[in-house]
């Protein structure tokens, strides 16, 4: 199950930097904080 251009160096470098950004810029924490806000706001819409 192989593909000529799969896992090429440009894509892999982009992935490595993406993972670093997610960890170093606190994006998981931001997802939780903003997600909790949105969940609460959407539940208020549900009541309306």
ModelCIF file with pLDDT and N, C-alpha, C, O atoms, coordinates in Angstrom:
data_MODEL
#
_entry.id   MODEL 
#
_entity.id                         1 
_entity.type                       polymer 
_entity.pdbx_number_of_molecules   1 
#
_entity_poly.entity_id                      1 
_entity_poly.type                           'polypeptide(L)' 
_entity_poly.nstd_linkage                   no 
_entity_poly.nstd_monomer                   no 
_entity_poly.pdbx_seq_one_letter_code       
;(UNK)(UNK)(UNK)(UNK)(UNK)(UNK)(UNK)(UNK)(UNK)(UNK)(UNK)(UNK)(UNK)(UNK)(UNK)(UNK)
(UNK)(UNK)(UNK)(UNK)(UNK)(UNK)(UNK)(UNK)(UNK)(UNK)(UNK)(UNK)(UNK)(UNK)(UNK)(UNK)
(UNK)(UNK)(UNK)(UNK)(UNK)(UNK)(UNK)(UNK)(UNK)(UNK)(UNK)(UNK)(UNK)(UNK)(UNK)(UNK)
;
_entity_poly.pdbx_seq_one_letter_code_can   XXXXXXXXXXXXXXXXXXXXXXXXXXXXXXXXXXXXXXXXXXXXXXXX 
_entity_poly.pdbx_strand_id                 A 
#
loop_
_entity_poly_seq.entity_id 
_entity_poly_seq.num 
_entity_poly_seq.mon_id 
_entity_poly_seq.hetero 
1 1  UNK n 
1 2  UNK n 
1 3  UNK n 
1 4  UNK n 
1 5  UNK n 
1 6  UNK n 
1 7  UNK n 
1 8  UNK n 
1 9  UNK n 
1 10 UNK n 
1 11 UNK n 
1 12 UNK n 
1 13 UNK n 
1 14 UNK n 
1 15 UNK n 
1 16 UNK n 
1 17 UNK n 
1 18 UNK n 
1 19 UNK n 
1 20 UNK n 
1 21 UNK n 
1 22 UNK n 
1 23 UNK n 
1 24 UNK n 
1 25 UNK n 
1 26 UNK n 
1 27 UNK n 
1 28 UNK n 
1 29 UNK n 
1 30 UNK n 
1 31 UNK n 
1 32 UNK n 
1 33 UNK n 
1 34 UNK n 
1 35 UNK n 
1 36 UNK n 
1 37 UNK n 
1 38 UNK n 
1 39 UNK n 
1 40 UNK n 
1 41 UNK n 
1 42 UNK n 
1 43 UNK n 
1 44 UNK n 
1 45 UNK n 
1 46 UNK n 
1 47 UNK n 
1 48 UNK n 
#
_struct_asym.id          A 
_struct_asym.entity_id   1 
#
loop_
_ma_qa_metric.id 
_ma_qa_metric.mode 
_ma_qa_metric.name 
_ma_qa_metric.software_group_id 
_ma_qa_metric.type 
1 global pLDDT . pLDDT 
2 local  pLDDT . pLDDT 
#
_ma_qa_metric_global.metric_id      1 
_ma_qa_metric_global.metric_value   97.62 
_ma_qa_metric_global.model_id       1 
_ma_qa_metric_global.ordinal_id     1 
#
loop_
_ma_qa_metric_local.label_asym_id 
_ma_qa_metric_local.label_comp_id 
_ma_qa_metric_local.label_seq_id 
_ma_qa_metric_local.metric_id 
_ma_qa_metric_local.metric_value 
_ma_qa_metric_local.model_id 
_ma_qa_metric_local.ordinal_id 
A UNK 1  2 95.00 1 1  
A UNK 2  2 96.00 1 2  
A UNK 3  2 95.00 1 3  
A UNK 4  2 96.00 1 4  
A UNK 5  2 96.00 1 5  
A UNK 6  2 96.00 1 6  
A UNK 7  2 96.00 1 7  
A UNK 8  2 97.00 1 8  
A UNK 9  2 97.00 1 9  
A UNK 10 2 98.00 1 10 
A UNK 11 2 98.00 1 11 
A UNK 12 2 98.00 1 12 
A UNK 13 2 98.00 1 13 
A UNK 14 2 98.00 1 14 
A UNK 15 2 98.00 1 15 
A UNK 16 2 98.00 1 16 
A UNK 17 2 98.00 1 17 
A UNK 18 2 98.00 1 18 
A UNK 19 2 98.00 1 19 
A UNK 20 2 98.00 1 20 
A UNK 21 2 98.00 1 21 
A UNK 22 2 98.00 1 22 
A UNK 23 2 98.00 1 23 
A UNK 24 2 98.00 1 24 
A UNK 25 2 98.00 1 25 
A UNK 26 2 98.00 1 26 
A UNK 27 2 98.00 1 27 
A UNK 28 2 98.00 1 28 
A UNK 29 2 98.00 1 29 
A UNK 30 2 98.00 1 30 
A UNK 31 2 98.00 1 31 
A UNK 32 2 98.00 1 32 
A UNK 33 2 98.00 1 33 
A UNK 34 2 98.00 1 34 
A UNK 35 2 98.00 1 35 
A UNK 36 2 98.00 1 36 
A UNK 37 2 98.00 1 37 
A UNK 38 2 98.00 1 38 
A UNK 39 2 98.00 1 39 
A UNK 40 2 98.00 1 40 
A UNK 41 2 98.00 1 41 
A UNK 42 2 98.00 1 42 
A UNK 43 2 98.00 1 43 
A UNK 44 2 98.00 1 44 
A UNK 45 2 98.00 1 45 
A UNK 46 2 98.00 1 46 
A UNK 47 2 98.00 1 47 
A UNK 48 2 98.00 1 48 
#
loop_
_atom_site.group_PDB 
_atom_site.id 
_atom_site.type_symbol 
_atom_site.label_atom_id 
_atom_site.label_alt_id 
_atom_site.label_comp_id 
_atom_site.label_asym_id 
_atom_site.label_entity_id 
_atom_site.label_seq_id 
_atom_site.pdbx_PDB_ins_code 
_atom_site.Cartn_x 
_atom_site.Cartn_y 
_atom_site.Cartn_z 
_atom_site.occupancy 
_atom_site.B_iso_or_equiv 
_atom_site.pdbx_formal_charge 
_atom_site.auth_seq_id 
_atom_site.auth_comp_id 
_atom_site.auth_asym_id 
_atom_site.auth_atom_id 
_atom_site.pdbx_PDB_model_num 
ATOM 1   N N  . UNK A 1 1  ? 0.866   -1.187 0.000  1.00 95.00 ? 1  UNK A N  1 
ATOM 2   C CA . UNK A 1 1  ? 0.000   0.000  0.000  1.00 95.00 ? 1  UNK A CA 1 
ATOM 3   C C  . UNK A 1 1  ? 0.899   1.231  0.000  1.00 95.00 ? 1  UNK A C  1 
ATOM 4   O O  . UNK A 1 1  ? 1.115   1.853  1.040  1.00 95.00 ? 1  UNK A O  1 
ATOM 5   N N  . UNK A 1 2  ? 1.414   1.572  -1.165 1.00 96.00 ? 2  UNK A N  1 
ATOM 6   C CA . UNK A 1 2  ? 2.399   2.658  -1.250 1.00 96.00 ? 2  UNK A CA 1 
ATOM 7   C C  . UNK A 1 2  ? 2.032   3.646  -2.336 1.00 96.00 ? 2  UNK A C  1 
ATOM 8   O O  . UNK A 1 2  ? 1.398   3.299  -3.332 1.00 96.00 ? 2  UNK A O  1 
ATOM 9   N N  . UNK A 1 3  ? 2.449   4.898  -2.121 1.00 95.00 ? 3  UNK A N  1 
ATOM 10  C CA . UNK A 1 3  ? 2.155   5.992  -3.039 1.00 95.00 ? 3  UNK A CA 1 
ATOM 11  C C  . UNK A 1 3  ? 3.406   6.844  -3.213 1.00 95.00 ? 3  UNK A C  1 
ATOM 12  O O  . UNK A 1 3  ? 4.061   7.192  -2.230 1.00 95.00 ? 3  UNK A O  1 
ATOM 13  N N  . UNK A 1 4  ? 3.736   7.178  -4.439 1.00 96.00 ? 4  UNK A N  1 
ATOM 14  C CA . UNK A 1 4  ? 5.018   7.797  -4.756 1.00 96.00 ? 4  UNK A CA 1 
ATOM 15  C C  . UNK A 1 4  ? 5.294   9.059  -3.960 1.00 96.00 ? 4  UNK A C  1 
ATOM 16  O O  . UNK A 1 4  ? 6.394   9.230  -3.435 1.00 96.00 ? 4  UNK A O  1 
ATOM 17  N N  . UNK A 1 5  ? 4.301   9.955  -3.860 1.00 96.00 ? 5  UNK A N  1 
ATOM 18  C CA . UNK A 1 5  ? 4.554   11.249 -3.218 1.00 96.00 ? 5  UNK A CA 1 
ATOM 19  C C  . UNK A 1 5  ? 4.157   11.278 -1.740 1.00 96.00 ? 5  UNK A C  1 
ATOM 20  O O  . UNK A 1 5  ? 4.312   12.312 -1.090 1.00 96.00 ? 5  UNK A O  1 
ATOM 21  N N  . UNK A 1 6  ? 3.655   10.184 -1.204 1.00 96.00 ? 6  UNK A N  1 
ATOM 22  C CA . UNK A 1 6  ? 3.214   10.163 0.199  1.00 96.00 ? 6  UNK A CA 1 
ATOM 23  C C  . UNK A 1 6  ? 4.393   10.292 1.152  1.00 96.00 ? 6  UNK A C  1 
ATOM 24  O O  . UNK A 1 6  ? 5.428   9.651  0.970  1.00 96.00 ? 6  UNK A O  1 
ATOM 25  N N  . UNK A 1 7  ? 4.222   11.129 2.172  1.00 96.00 ? 7  UNK A N  1 
ATOM 26  C CA . UNK A 1 7  ? 5.282   11.306 3.163  1.00 96.00 ? 7  UNK A CA 1 
ATOM 27  C C  . UNK A 1 7  ? 6.499   12.025 2.618  1.00 96.00 ? 7  UNK A C  1 
ATOM 28  O O  . UNK A 1 7  ? 7.609   11.839 3.116  1.00 96.00 ? 7  UNK A O  1 
ATOM 29  N N  . UNK A 1 8  ? 6.298   12.852 1.588  1.00 97.00 ? 8  UNK A N  1 
ATOM 30  C CA . UNK A 1 8  ? 7.442   13.576 1.032  1.00 97.00 ? 8  UNK A CA 1 
ATOM 31  C C  . UNK A 1 8  ? 7.973   14.594 2.033  1.00 97.00 ? 8  UNK A C  1 
ATOM 32  O O  . UNK A 1 8  ? 7.299   14.935 3.005  1.00 97.00 ? 8  UNK A O  1 
ATOM 33  N N  . UNK A 1 9  ? 9.175   15.070 1.788  1.00 97.00 ? 9  UNK A N  1 
ATOM 34  C CA . UNK A 1 9  ? 9.877   15.890 2.778  1.00 97.00 ? 9  UNK A CA 1 
ATOM 35  C C  . UNK A 1 9  ? 9.172   17.210 3.063  1.00 97.00 ? 9  UNK A C  1 
ATOM 36  O O  . UNK A 1 9  ? 9.171   17.668 4.205  1.00 97.00 ? 9  UNK A O  1 
ATOM 37  N N  . UNK A 1 10 ? 8.571   17.833 2.050  1.00 98.00 ? 10 UNK A N  1 
ATOM 38  C CA . UNK A 1 10 ? 7.890   19.119 2.266  1.00 98.00 ? 10 UNK A CA 1 
ATOM 39  C C  . UNK A 1 10 ? 6.677   18.930 3.172  1.00 98.00 ? 10 UNK A C  1 
ATOM 40  O O  . UNK A 1 10 ? 6.483   19.697 4.115  1.00 98.00 ? 10 UNK A O  1 
ATOM 41  N N  . UNK A 1 11 ? 5.864   17.920 2.894  1.00 98.00 ? 11 UNK A N  1 
ATOM 42  C CA . UNK A 1 11 ? 4.694   17.660 3.724  1.00 98.00 ? 11 UNK A CA 1 
ATOM 43  C C  . UNK A 1 11 ? 5.086   17.295 5.149  1.00 98.00 ? 11 UNK A C  1 
ATOM 44  O O  . UNK A 1 11 ? 4.434   17.723 6.101  1.00 98.00 ? 11 UNK A O  1 
ATOM 45  N N  . UNK A 1 12 ? 6.146   16.508 5.301  1.00 98.00 ? 12 UNK A N  1 
ATOM 46  C CA . UNK A 1 12 ? 6.577   16.095 6.636  1.00 98.00 ? 12 UNK A CA 1 
ATOM 47  C C  . UNK A 1 12 ? 7.096   17.273 7.464  1.00 98.00 ? 12 UNK A C  1 
ATOM 48  O O  . UNK A 1 12 ? 6.832   17.361 8.663  1.00 98.00 ? 12 UNK A O  1 
ATOM 49  N N  . UNK A 1 13 ? 7.824   18.161 6.824  1.00 98.00 ? 13 UNK A N  1 
ATOM 50  C CA . UNK A 1 13 ? 8.305   19.363 7.525  1.00 98.00 ? 13 UNK A CA 1 
ATOM 51  C C  . UNK A 1 13 ? 7.122   20.229 7.963  1.00 98.00 ? 13 UNK A C  1 
ATOM 52  O O  . UNK A 1 13 ? 7.108   20.758 9.074  1.00 98.00 ? 13 UNK A O  1 
ATOM 53  N N  . UNK A 1 14 ? 6.138   20.365 7.085  1.00 98.00 ? 14 UNK A N  1 
ATOM 54  C CA . UNK A 1 14 ? 4.944   21.132 7.436  1.00 98.00 ? 14 UNK A CA 1 
ATOM 55  C C  . UNK A 1 14 ? 4.221   20.499 8.624  1.00 98.00 ? 14 UNK A C  1 
ATOM 56  O O  . UNK A 1 14 ? 3.733   21.209 9.502  1.00 98.00 ? 14 UNK A O  1 
ATOM 57  N N  . UNK A 1 15 ? 4.151   19.183 8.654  1.00 98.00 ? 15 UNK A N  1 
ATOM 58  C CA . UNK A 1 15 ? 3.500   18.478 9.757  1.00 98.00 ? 15 UNK A CA 1 
ATOM 59  C C  . UNK A 1 15 ? 4.272   18.658 11.064 1.00 98.00 ? 15 UNK A C  1 
ATOM 60  O O  . UNK A 1 15 ? 3.672   18.896 12.113 1.00 98.00 ? 15 UNK A O  1 
ATOM 61  N N  . UNK A 1 16 ? 5.576   18.548 11.004 1.00 98.00 ? 16 UNK A N  1 
ATOM 62  C CA . UNK A 1 16 ? 6.390   18.727 12.212 1.00 98.00 ? 16 UNK A CA 1 
ATOM 63  C C  . UNK A 1 16 ? 6.199   20.122 12.806 1.00 98.00 ? 16 UNK A C  1 
ATOM 64  O O  . UNK A 1 16 ? 6.096   20.276 14.023 1.00 98.00 ? 16 UNK A O  1 
ATOM 65  N N  . UNK A 1 17 ? 6.152   21.129 11.946 1.00 98.00 ? 17 UNK A N  1 
ATOM 66  C CA . UNK A 1 17 ? 5.956   22.495 12.430 1.00 98.00 ? 17 UNK A CA 1 
ATOM 67  C C  . UNK A 1 17 ? 4.539   22.679 12.972 1.00 98.00 ? 17 UNK A C  1 
ATOM 68  O O  . UNK A 1 17 ? 4.338   23.382 13.963 1.00 98.00 ? 17 UNK A O  1 
ATOM 69  N N  . UNK A 1 18 ? 3.566   22.056 12.331 1.00 98.00 ? 18 UNK A N  1 
ATOM 70  C CA . UNK A 1 18 ? 2.182   22.123 12.804 1.00 98.00 ? 18 UNK A CA 1 
ATOM 71  C C  . UNK A 1 18 ? 2.062   21.576 14.218 1.00 98.00 ? 18 UNK A C  1 
ATOM 72  O O  . UNK A 1 18 ? 1.423   22.190 15.072 1.00 98.00 ? 18 UNK A O  1 
ATOM 73  N N  . UNK A 1 19 ? 2.672   20.428 14.466 1.00 98.00 ? 19 UNK A N  1 
ATOM 74  C CA . UNK A 1 19 ? 2.609   19.818 15.801 1.00 98.00 ? 19 UNK A CA 1 
ATOM 75  C C  . UNK A 1 19 ? 3.286   20.713 16.829 1.00 98.00 ? 19 UNK A C  1 
ATOM 76  O O  . UNK A 1 19 ? 2.784   20.874 17.941 1.00 98.00 ? 19 UNK A O  1 
ATOM 77  N N  . UNK A 1 20 ? 4.427   21.298 16.463 1.00 98.00 ? 20 UNK A N  1 
ATOM 78  C CA . UNK A 1 20 ? 5.109   22.214 17.378 1.00 98.00 ? 20 UNK A CA 1 
ATOM 79  C C  . UNK A 1 20 ? 4.226   23.409 17.722 1.00 98.00 ? 20 UNK A C  1 
ATOM 80  O O  . UNK A 1 20 ? 4.158   23.824 18.879 1.00 98.00 ? 20 UNK A O  1 
ATOM 81  N N  . UNK A 1 21 ? 3.556   23.957 16.723 1.00 98.00 ? 21 UNK A N  1 
ATOM 82  C CA . UNK A 1 21 ? 2.695   25.121 16.949 1.00 98.00 ? 21 UNK A CA 1 
ATOM 83  C C  . UNK A 1 21 ? 1.548   24.759 17.886 1.00 98.00 ? 21 UNK A C  1 
ATOM 84  O O  . UNK A 1 21 ? 1.236   25.513 18.807 1.00 98.00 ? 21 UNK A O  1 
ATOM 85  N N  . UNK A 1 22 ? 0.929   23.627 17.659 1.00 98.00 ? 22 UNK A N  1 
ATOM 86  C CA . UNK A 1 22 ? -0.187  23.195 18.513 1.00 98.00 ? 22 UNK A CA 1 
ATOM 87  C C  . UNK A 1 22 ? 0.264   23.098 19.967 1.00 98.00 ? 22 UNK A C  1 
ATOM 88  O O  . UNK A 1 22 ? -0.463  23.497 20.877 1.00 98.00 ? 22 UNK A O  1 
ATOM 89  N N  . UNK A 1 23 ? 1.452   22.574 20.177 1.00 98.00 ? 23 UNK A N  1 
ATOM 90  C CA . UNK A 1 23 ? 1.947   22.404 21.554 1.00 98.00 ? 23 UNK A CA 1 
ATOM 91  C C  . UNK A 1 23 ? 2.478   23.724 22.125 1.00 98.00 ? 23 UNK A C  1 
ATOM 92  O O  . UNK A 1 23 ? 2.157   24.081 23.259 1.00 98.00 ? 23 UNK A O  1 
ATOM 93  N N  . UNK A 1 24 ? 3.277   24.439 21.358 1.00 98.00 ? 24 UNK A N  1 
ATOM 94  C CA . UNK A 1 24 ? 3.967   25.620 21.888 1.00 98.00 ? 24 UNK A CA 1 
ATOM 95  C C  . UNK A 1 24 ? 3.069   26.845 22.006 1.00 98.00 ? 24 UNK A C  1 
ATOM 96  O O  . UNK A 1 24 ? 3.308   27.701 22.858 1.00 98.00 ? 24 UNK A O  1 
ATOM 97  N N  . UNK A 1 25 ? 2.037   26.946 21.166 1.00 98.00 ? 25 UNK A N  1 
ATOM 98  C CA . UNK A 1 25 ? 1.152   28.112 21.213 1.00 98.00 ? 25 UNK A CA 1 
ATOM 99  C C  . UNK A 1 25 ? -0.120  27.844 22.013 1.00 98.00 ? 25 UNK A C  1 
ATOM 100 O O  . UNK A 1 25 ? -1.048  28.653 21.994 1.00 98.00 ? 25 UNK A O  1 
ATOM 101 N N  . UNK A 1 26 ? -0.165  26.724 22.708 1.00 98.00 ? 26 UNK A N  1 
ATOM 102 C CA . UNK A 1 26 ? -1.289  26.436 23.603 1.00 98.00 ? 26 UNK A CA 1 
ATOM 103 C C  . UNK A 1 26 ? -2.616  26.264 22.905 1.00 98.00 ? 26 UNK A C  1 
ATOM 104 O O  . UNK A 1 26 ? -3.651  26.658 23.443 1.00 98.00 ? 26 UNK A O  1 
ATOM 105 N N  . UNK A 1 27 ? -2.612  25.679 21.708 1.00 98.00 ? 27 UNK A N  1 
ATOM 106 C CA . UNK A 1 27 ? -3.853  25.579 20.944 1.00 98.00 ? 27 UNK A CA 1 
ATOM 107 C C  . UNK A 1 27 ? -4.820  24.556 21.519 1.00 98.00 ? 27 UNK A C  1 
ATOM 108 O O  . UNK A 1 27 ? -6.032  24.700 21.360 1.00 98.00 ? 27 UNK A O  1 
ATOM 109 N N  . UNK A 1 28 ? -4.311  23.531 22.182 1.00 98.00 ? 28 UNK A N  1 
ATOM 110 C CA . UNK A 1 28 ? -5.219  22.575 22.830 1.00 98.00 ? 28 UNK A CA 1 
ATOM 111 C C  . UNK A 1 28 ? -5.959  23.245 23.985 1.00 98.00 ? 28 UNK A C  1 
ATOM 112 O O  . UNK A 1 28 ? -7.159  23.040 24.173 1.00 98.00 ? 28 UNK A O  1 
ATOM 113 N N  . UNK A 1 29 ? -5.230  24.043 24.749 1.00 98.00 ? 29 UNK A N  1 
ATOM 114 C CA . UNK A 1 29 ? -5.852  24.770 25.852 1.00 98.00 ? 29 UNK A CA 1 
ATOM 115 C C  . UNK A 1 29 ? -6.865  25.779 25.321 1.00 98.00 ? 29 UNK A C  1 
ATOM 116 O O  . UNK A 1 29 ? -7.945  25.943 25.889 1.00 98.00 ? 29 UNK A O  1 
ATOM 117 N N  . UNK A 1 30 ? -6.509  26.456 24.224 1.00 98.00 ? 30 UNK A N  1 
ATOM 118 C CA . UNK A 1 30 ? -7.431  27.423 23.627 1.00 98.00 ? 30 UNK A CA 1 
ATOM 119 C C  . UNK A 1 30 ? -8.693  26.740 23.120 1.00 98.00 ? 30 UNK A C  1 
ATOM 120 O O  . UNK A 1 30 ? -9.794  27.275 23.245 1.00 98.00 ? 30 UNK A O  1 
ATOM 121 N N  . UNK A 1 31 ? -8.520  25.542 22.542 1.00 98.00 ? 31 UNK A N  1 
ATOM 122 C CA . UNK A 1 31 ? -9.681  24.790 22.054 1.00 98.00 ? 31 UNK A CA 1 
ATOM 123 C C  . UNK A 1 31 ? -10.640 24.483 23.194 1.00 98.00 ? 31 UNK A C  1 
ATOM 124 O O  . UNK A 1 31 ? -11.858 24.531 23.018 1.00 98.00 ? 31 UNK A O  1 
ATOM 125 N N  . UNK A 1 32 ? -10.098 24.171 24.348 1.00 98.00 ? 32 UNK A N  1 
ATOM 126 C CA . UNK A 1 32 ? -10.964 23.849 25.489 1.00 98.00 ? 32 UNK A CA 1 
ATOM 127 C C  . UNK A 1 32 ? -11.668 25.103 26.012 1.00 98.00 ? 32 UNK A C  1 
ATOM 128 O O  . UNK A 1 32 ? -12.873 25.076 26.265 1.00 98.00 ? 32 UNK A O  1 
ATOM 129 N N  . UNK A 1 33 ? -10.927 26.195 26.174 1.00 98.00 ? 33 UNK A N  1 
ATOM 130 C CA . UNK A 1 33 ? -11.508 27.427 26.722 1.00 98.00 ? 33 UNK A CA 1 
ATOM 131 C C  . UNK A 1 33 ? -12.581 27.988 25.787 1.00 98.00 ? 33 UNK A C  1 
ATOM 132 O O  . UNK A 1 33 ? -13.703 28.259 26.216 1.00 98.00 ? 33 UNK A O  1 
ATOM 133 N N  . UNK A 1 34 ? -12.236 28.158 24.519 1.00 98.00 ? 34 UNK A N  1 
ATOM 134 C CA . UNK A 1 34 ? -13.204 28.707 23.561 1.00 98.00 ? 34 UNK A CA 1 
ATOM 135 C C  . UNK A 1 34 ? -14.347 27.716 23.338 1.00 98.00 ? 34 UNK A C  1 
ATOM 136 O O  . UNK A 1 34 ? -15.502 28.112 23.185 1.00 98.00 ? 34 UNK A O  1 
ATOM 137 N N  . UNK A 1 35 ? -14.014 26.435 23.323 1.00 98.00 ? 35 UNK A N  1 
ATOM 138 C CA . UNK A 1 35 ? -15.047 25.420 23.148 1.00 98.00 ? 35 UNK A CA 1 
ATOM 139 C C  . UNK A 1 35 ? -16.059 25.431 24.278 1.00 98.00 ? 35 UNK A C  1 
ATOM 140 O O  . UNK A 1 35 ? -17.258 25.288 24.040 1.00 98.00 ? 35 UNK A O  1 
ATOM 141 N N  . UNK A 1 36 ? -15.582 25.602 25.517 1.00 98.00 ? 36 UNK A N  1 
ATOM 142 C CA . UNK A 1 36 ? -16.498 25.674 26.663 1.00 98.00 ? 36 UNK A CA 1 
ATOM 143 C C  . UNK A 1 36 ? -17.412 26.894 26.559 1.00 98.00 ? 36 UNK A C  1 
ATOM 144 O O  . UNK A 1 36 ? -18.602 26.822 26.866 1.00 98.00 ? 36 UNK A O  1 
ATOM 145 N N  . UNK A 1 37 ? -16.831 28.020 26.117 1.00 98.00 ? 37 UNK A N  1 
ATOM 146 C CA . UNK A 1 37 ? -17.643 29.230 25.929 1.00 98.00 ? 37 UNK A CA 1 
ATOM 147 C C  . UNK A 1 37 ? -18.732 28.990 24.888 1.00 98.00 ? 37 UNK A C  1 
ATOM 148 O O  . UNK A 1 37 ? -19.896 29.322 25.109 1.00 98.00 ? 37 UNK A O  1 
ATOM 149 N N  . UNK A 1 38 ? -18.349 28.416 23.758 1.00 98.00 ? 38 UNK A N  1 
ATOM 150 C CA . UNK A 1 38 ? -19.317 28.168 22.690 1.00 98.00 ? 38 UNK A CA 1 
ATOM 151 C C  . UNK A 1 38 ? -20.393 27.174 23.124 1.00 98.00 ? 38 UNK A C  1 
ATOM 152 O O  . UNK A 1 38 ? -21.570 27.347 22.810 1.00 98.00 ? 38 UNK A O  1 
ATOM 153 N N  . UNK A 1 39 ? -19.986 26.146 23.837 1.00 98.00 ? 39 UNK A N  1 
ATOM 154 C CA . UNK A 1 39 ? -20.967 25.171 24.313 1.00 98.00 ? 39 UNK A CA 1 
ATOM 155 C C  . UNK A 1 39 ? -22.006 25.839 25.206 1.00 98.00 ? 39 UNK A C  1 
ATOM 156 O O  . UNK A 1 39 ? -23.205 25.606 25.046 1.00 98.00 ? 39 UNK A O  1 
ATOM 157 N N  . UNK A 1 40 ? -21.556 26.664 26.138 1.00 98.00 ? 40 UNK A N  1 
ATOM 158 C CA . UNK A 1 40 ? -22.484 27.384 27.024 1.00 98.00 ? 40 UNK A CA 1 
ATOM 159 C C  . UNK A 1 40 ? -23.400 28.307 26.226 1.00 98.00 ? 40 UNK A C  1 
ATOM 160 O O  . UNK A 1 40 ? -24.602 28.378 26.483 1.00 98.00 ? 40 UNK A O  1 
ATOM 161 N N  . UNK A 1 41 ? -22.818 29.014 25.253 1.00 98.00 ? 41 UNK A N  1 
ATOM 162 C CA . UNK A 1 41 ? -23.614 29.946 24.439 1.00 98.00 ? 41 UNK A CA 1 
ATOM 163 C C  . UNK A 1 41 ? -24.647 29.202 23.601 1.00 98.00 ? 41 UNK A C  1 
ATOM 164 O O  . UNK A 1 41 ? -25.785 29.655 23.469 1.00 98.00 ? 41 UNK A O  1 
ATOM 165 N N  . UNK A 1 42 ? -24.256 28.063 23.034 1.00 98.00 ? 42 UNK A N  1 
ATOM 166 C CA . UNK A 1 42 ? -25.193 27.281 22.218 1.00 98.00 ? 42 UNK A CA 1 
ATOM 167 C C  . UNK A 1 42 ? -26.312 26.685 23.076 1.00 98.00 ? 42 UNK A C  1 
ATOM 168 O O  . UNK A 1 42 ? -27.448 26.561 22.618 1.00 98.00 ? 42 UNK A O  1 
ATOM 169 N N  . UNK A 1 43 ? -25.996 26.324 24.300 1.00 98.00 ? 43 UNK A N  1 
ATOM 170 C CA . UNK A 1 43 ? -27.041 25.803 25.193 1.00 98.00 ? 43 UNK A CA 1 
ATOM 171 C C  . UNK A 1 43 ? -28.055 26.901 25.540 1.00 98.00 ? 43 UNK A C  1 
ATOM 172 O O  . UNK A 1 43 ? -29.242 26.625 25.714 1.00 98.00 ? 43 UNK A O  1 
ATOM 173 N N  . UNK A 1 44 ? -27.575 28.142 25.639 1.00 98.00 ? 44 UNK A N  1 
ATOM 174 C CA . UNK A 1 44 ? -28.497 29.254 25.865 1.00 98.00 ? 44 UNK A CA 1 
ATOM 175 C C  . UNK A 1 44 ? -29.412 29.454 24.651 1.00 98.00 ? 44 UNK A C  1 
ATOM 176 O O  . UNK A 1 44 ? -30.595 29.759 24.796 1.00 98.00 ? 44 UNK A O  1 
ATOM 177 N N  . UNK A 1 45 ? -28.845 29.279 23.459 1.00 98.00 ? 45 UNK A N  1 
ATOM 178 C CA . UNK A 1 45 ? -29.672 29.356 22.254 1.00 98.00 ? 45 UNK A CA 1 
ATOM 179 C C  . UNK A 1 45 ? -30.708 28.236 22.245 1.00 98.00 ? 45 UNK A C  1 
ATOM 180 O O  . UNK A 1 45 ? -31.843 28.435 21.812 1.00 98.00 ? 45 UNK A O  1 
ATOM 181 N N  . UNK A 1 46 ? -30.318 27.078 22.717 1.00 98.00 ? 46 UNK A N  1 
ATOM 182 C CA . UNK A 1 46 ? -31.240 25.940 22.767 1.00 98.00 ? 46 UNK A CA 1 
ATOM 183 C C  . UNK A 1 46 ? -32.448 26.250 23.656 1.00 98.00 ? 46 UNK A C  1 
ATOM 184 O O  . UNK A 1 46 ? -33.580 25.878 23.344 1.00 98.00 ? 46 UNK A O  1 
ATOM 185 N N  . UNK A 1 47 ? -32.183 26.933 24.759 1.00 98.00 ? 47 UNK A N  1 
ATOM 186 C CA . UNK A 1 47 ? -33.288 27.281 25.650 1.00 98.00 ? 47 UNK A CA 1 
ATOM 187 C C  . UNK A 1 47 ? -34.215 28.334 25.045 1.00 98.00 ? 47 UNK A C  1 
ATOM 188 O O  . UNK A 1 47 ? -35.344 28.515 25.500 1.00 98.00 ? 47 UNK A O  1 
ATOM 189 N N  . UNK A 1 48 ? -33.729 29.021 24.023 1.00 98.00 ? 48 UNK A N  1 
ATOM 190 C CA . UNK A 1 48 ? -34.497 30.097 23.393 1.00 98.00 ? 48 UNK A CA 1 
ATOM 191 C C  . UNK A 1 48 ? -35.252 29.631 22.150 1.00 98.00 ? 48 UNK A C  1 
ATOM 192 O O  . UNK A 1 48 ? -35.943 30.426 21.512 1.00 98.00 ? 48 UNK A O  1 
#
